[in-house]
Structures are given as C-alpha cells and as structure tokens.
Amino acid sequence: MKKLETIEQYKEVIQTGQHIMMFSADWCPDCRVIEPILPEVMNEHSEYTFYYVDRDQFIDLCVELDVFGIPSFLAYKDGEEIGRYVNKERKTKEQINQFISGLSK
C-alpha cells in the first residue's frame, strides 16, 4: 500500500485510474486489526491502487471529505468518487471486500 505524502499528490492521483484511499491512524486499534488482511484485499482487487492516508497528518482533508471515523475507505475512478465506506466501526475482510466488489467499475 502506498502512503499519501501530500495533498497535491492526493489531488493528482485521483484524477486517473482506480484508487482506494484508506483513512487510518497509527493509534487506531480497529485499524490495526485489519492490517494483516489488507495485503489479501489488495491482491483480490488488484485493479485498484491502494493508498494509506494518515488521518492525523491530513485532518483538513478528512474534514473536507467528511471522513470522521476510521478506518474508512474512499474509492475513486478517473477523478470521480465512486464509493465510500466511512464510519468508525471495526471492519472485517468480508465487509471490505463486499464494499470494493460493489463499486461501479
């Protein structure tokens, strides 16, 4: 999973291709729980490029995008948001896969 470094990178990346932004934080216990399954999720959905977005580093972006719970996922295709799985609940591999599989491709 790539790590988002700047707001400019975010704005550029989402413009072309299919991407999933995972909003997370090092201190988040629910985020740590899903960490071991993320490589499997990324392999199963290789049509997407996955980015780790540190909630604390990009708090202004989170506010702008209405991402107030973590872990959360936003999906983009060619500059358009095509789906969001945003809440503060712990997520399972099945729930994450179901979210990604339900995106319009």
Protein backbone atom coordinates (compact mmCIF):
# COMPACT_ATOMS: atom_id res chain seq x y z
CA MET A 1 0.00 0.00 0.00
CA LYS A 2 1.34 3.38 -0.96
CA LYS A 3 1.40 6.17 1.60
CA LEU A 4 -0.09 9.55 0.77
CA GLU A 5 2.59 12.20 1.24
CA THR A 6 0.90 15.49 0.25
CA ILE A 7 -2.49 17.00 -0.57
CA GLU A 8 -1.14 17.76 -4.04
CA GLN A 9 -0.36 14.06 -4.51
CA TYR A 10 -3.92 13.17 -3.48
CA LYS A 11 -5.42 15.63 -5.98
CA GLU A 12 -3.17 14.35 -8.76
CA VAL A 13 -3.54 10.63 -8.03
CA ILE A 14 -7.33 10.51 -8.01
CA GLN A 15 -7.57 12.10 -11.47
CA THR A 16 -6.69 8.99 -13.46
CA GLY A 17 -7.20 5.31 -12.82
CA GLN A 18 -8.92 3.50 -9.96
CA HIS A 19 -7.84 4.15 -6.40
CA ILE A 20 -8.90 3.31 -2.88
CA MET A 21 -7.87 5.66 -0.11
CA MET A 22 -7.77 4.05 3.32
CA PHE A 23 -8.02 6.63 6.08
CA SER A 24 -6.33 5.37 9.23
CA ALA A 25 -4.03 6.28 12.11
CA ASP A 26 -1.25 4.52 13.98
CA TRP A 27 -3.11 4.82 17.30
CA CYS A 28 -6.39 3.33 15.99
CA PRO A 29 -6.99 -0.19 17.39
CA ASP A 30 -9.65 -1.06 14.77
CA CYS A 31 -7.20 -0.03 12.05
CA ARG A 32 -4.52 -2.33 13.47
CA VAL A 33 -6.99 -5.25 13.50
CA ILE A 34 -7.49 -5.08 9.71
CA GLU A 35 -3.80 -4.52 8.91
CA PRO A 36 -2.96 -8.24 8.49
CA ILE A 37 -5.75 -8.81 5.96
CA LEU A 38 -5.03 -5.75 3.79
CA PRO A 39 -2.46 -7.50 1.55
CA GLU A 40 -5.07 -10.15 0.72
CA VAL A 41 -7.70 -7.49 -0.01
CA MET A 42 -5.26 -5.63 -2.27
CA ASN A 43 -4.41 -8.84 -4.16
CA GLU A 44 -8.09 -9.67 -4.64
CA HIS A 45 -8.77 -6.17 -6.00
CA SER A 46 -5.61 -5.51 -7.98
CA GLU A 47 -7.48 -3.24 -10.40
CA TYR A 48 -7.22 -0.58 -7.68
CA THR A 49 -4.19 1.23 -6.33
CA PHE A 50 -4.44 1.47 -2.55
CA TYR A 51 -3.22 4.46 -0.55
CA TYR A 52 -2.80 4.83 3.19
CA VAL A 53 -3.98 8.27 4.34
CA ASP A 54 -2.86 9.19 7.85
CA ARG A 55 -5.87 10.85 9.47
CA ASP A 56 -3.71 12.94 11.81
CA GLN A 57 -1.41 14.16 9.04
CA PHE A 58 -4.33 15.01 6.72
CA ILE A 59 -7.01 16.16 9.16
CA ASP A 60 -8.05 19.05 6.89
CA LEU A 61 -8.58 16.63 4.00
CA CYS A 62 -10.65 14.38 6.27
CA VAL A 63 -12.84 17.34 7.23
CA GLU A 64 -13.20 18.35 3.58
CA LEU A 65 -14.21 14.79 2.62
CA ASP A 66 -16.45 14.19 5.68
CA VAL A 67 -14.27 11.33 6.93
CA PHE A 68 -14.74 11.44 10.69
CA GLY A 69 -14.44 7.76 11.57
CA ILE A 70 -11.55 5.40 10.90
CA PRO A 71 -10.74 3.03 9.37
CA SER A 72 -12.61 4.35 6.35
CA PHE A 73 -12.31 3.83 2.61
CA LEU A 74 -13.00 6.17 -0.32
CA ALA A 75 -12.90 4.86 -3.88
CA TYR A 76 -12.15 6.93 -6.98
CA LYS A 77 -12.21 6.33 -10.70
CA ASP A 78 -10.82 8.95 -13.09
CA GLY A 79 -11.40 11.85 -10.71
CA GLU A 80 -14.88 10.82 -9.54
CA GLU A 81 -15.70 9.41 -6.13
CA ILE A 82 -17.42 6.09 -6.87
CA GLY A 83 -17.95 4.86 -3.34
CA ARG A 84 -17.31 5.38 0.35
CA TYR A 85 -17.24 3.11 3.34
CA VAL A 86 -16.98 5.70 6.07
CA ASN A 87 -17.79 5.07 9.71
CA LYS A 88 -15.99 4.42 12.97
CA GLU A 89 -16.91 0.74 13.18
CA ARG A 90 -14.41 -2.10 13.08
CA LYS A 91 -14.46 -3.67 9.61
CA THR A 92 -13.99 -7.29 8.59
CA LYS A 93 -12.27 -8.58 5.48
CA GLU A 94 -15.68 -9.66 4.18
CA GLN A 95 -17.16 -6.19 4.67
CA ILE A 96 -14.22 -4.51 2.94
CA ASN A 97 -14.37 -6.98 0.03
CA GLN A 98 -18.13 -6.50 -0.27
CA PHE A 99 -17.67 -2.72 -0.41
CA ILE A 100 -15.00 -2.94 -3.12
CA SER A 101 -16.86 -5.59 -5.14
CA GLY A 102 -19.97 -3.39 -5.14
CA LEU A 103 -18.19 -0.42 -6.72
CA SER A 104 -19.12 0.50 -10.27
CA LYS A 105 -16.14 -0.33 -12.44
